[in-house]
Amino acid sequence: MKKNWTKLLALSMSFTLTGCGTASPPAAESSAAVETTVQATEAAGTEASGNGPAPVEQVWSPVDENGQTKRDDREGTGENGVVTSANVYASQAGLKVLEEGGNAVDAAIAVSYALGVVEPQASGLGGGGFMLVHTADGDDSFIDYREVAPAAQDAYSWLDENGEVKNGGTANSRGGLAIGVPGEVAGMEYARENFGSGKVTRQQIMQPAIDLATQGYLVSTYQSQQINDHYGDMTGDYPVLGSYYLREDGLPYQNGDVLRNPDLAKSLQMIATNGAEVFYTGEIADAIIAEIEKYEGLMTKEDLANYKVNMREPVRSTYRGYKIISCPPPSSGGTHLIEILNVLENYDVGSMEVNSPEYAHLFSETFKAAFADRAAYMGDTDFIDNVPLVGLTNKDYAKTISDKITDQCQKWQEGDPKAYEGNSTTSFSVADKEGNIVTVTQTIECSFGSAVAVPEYGFILNDQMHDFSTDPESVNCVEGGKHPLSSMSPTVVLNEDGTPFMTLGTPGGVRIFPTVAQVISRVIDSKMSLQEAITNARIFDNGTDDGICYELGAPGGVDEETVKALEAMGHTMTAKGEWDMFFGGVQGVIYMDDGTLVGAADPRRDGKALGY
């Protein structure tokens, strides 16, 4: 793709973080949005708000007048482009950059930085991720800015003399040893320099995020719950985190409070002025290492200086004639998404009622087979030479899996794909009417990452080492410079003739690729709208003792009769909460036959699609 990507406007941002600018709301949404904003601003707590500037305008609220999360009004349509993300502020940020003349990559970068302000528990400057770029002329580019292990870290760094994870099992998820070398800033700069329009400056792209951090934004019920869940970290071993996400009275921010982070605004402005160098070799790098050392981490300034963005070849396949383009290693997501779809292709899924016993059983067995292969074979291909990607995505291999599926629950061992060789996260997408698409998934791993926040700079460092296996013999064990295995699956779906059909992505840990597979199948097989496919209740099974996890609250869920039928097949059934984020937060965009772009956002989160 050429750097002068002038026609790339924006469509869908499937994100899990949020950000905002000062873009004017689409005309169709303006009056209601302004009224909602005024009401929410009046409700904001004066103690939390202080006497600071007015918060950034919010053109739509994710909560109703009672402070409850809305479960509808998530779609956004446009003739030119749509931005859909996990937070309306982030969607506003992307839309603003598009209106100023930026392309979809520029807009995606704006969303990325904005989400790091408004949904810091999910991604930010201290994290990393993947970006898939598909152009109208058919070129695909995959940018890997995933975190890597520090050079001095190995499979034994966090294990005690008994082979157990130190600090009561938290050394790989909290504190210094959990932190991987961040890639987000390098990734955003690489994308801007190589795929940006050149028509907007770095300052313009980052200004919406800077405004959010400076002026503040309205805390949602969802974010308040996330802060509440981590109150112990903030008042315990990680007081710097608490200094940013607890109010002056020491209590968690509540829905409607205004949250500002001037330290983060300072960091963002330093990057806007100086580029990635200030983060990886300059003042911010010094601050990162000083804080990591306080928590006995092994990362050095040389690790930061040596971080490199990787360009990789996407994985590709087809599903019932549609073309699938997705995420290669170090993510397992795209490979096993294709493996799952290849198995489903052997069944008439469209004739099955969604979440019926027959449907849930088929998806459960298919998921378990994919997870068995994932555990056996998948790792960072920069370190593992024999990852059988071609076999795992081979349709004949998938047929061997479907041939083993019976009408009873079974335990799955890995197959032999080599015989077929001839070969808390956030997600968002941007696309335009020309068929240019950018889809991104990025993360700081667990909610609030390692809980280590960088004082005076306002951002949280990831706990990406949590994605490595603690088994020193695993293909996914820790080695210096190695990428941990991921499940992130930013995905583009094309029509048989190569024209754009859909793009989507989701957070959710190992639930990511099973969730993406369910949404794709529901659109293609079950003829649901994209919003309906996202809103509909989901299931998950990775072969553990929990069996089939099913969601309560969302429409079309597994009912009691289905639970009994599946138990009779031998399945263990585990109910999850209502509208549970365990099942991810999908954001996506679909191209309609009349040329209209429709963005869909997940009601399990604060997402909203905006179009123009």
Foldseek 3Di string as FASTA:
>chain_A
DFQQQQLAFWAKWFKQFFFAAQAQAPPVQAPVQQVVQVLLQVVADCLLQPPAAAARRQSHFQADPVQHGDQDQFKAWALWYKYWWQARRLRNLLNQCSVLRKHHLLSNLLSQARRCQGQVQWDHQQWFWKKWWADLVGDIWIKGQGFAAAQPDFLCPQADPVLAGPPVNCLLFAALALFTQHRSLVRSLVCCVGHMNVSDALCSSHVRNLSCQRNFDFRGQVVQVLCVVCLCLCPDPQVLLQVQAAGPVSHGGHGSHTGHHNLQSVLSVCCSVPNCCCCLPRDVLVLVVVLRVVRVHDHDSVSSNPRDMDMDAWDWDAAPLKIKTKDDPVECARLLLLLLSLLCSVDLQLVDQPAFLVNLLSLQQSQQQSLQQCQAAHFHCVQDVDRQSQLSNDSVNSVVSNVPRDLFDDHYHHDCSVVVRPDNKIKMKIGTLSQIMMIIIMGLPNRLANSHDRPSNGHGHGSQSSLADSDSPTSRRHHHGTRRYFNWMFMFIGHNVRGGFKTKTWDATVLTSSLVSQLVCCCVSNVDDSQLSQQAWDWDHNRDPQFIETEPAGPPTNDPVSCVVNVVSVTHYHYDYHLDCNNTKMWMWGQDPVSMIMIHTHSSGNMHMHYD
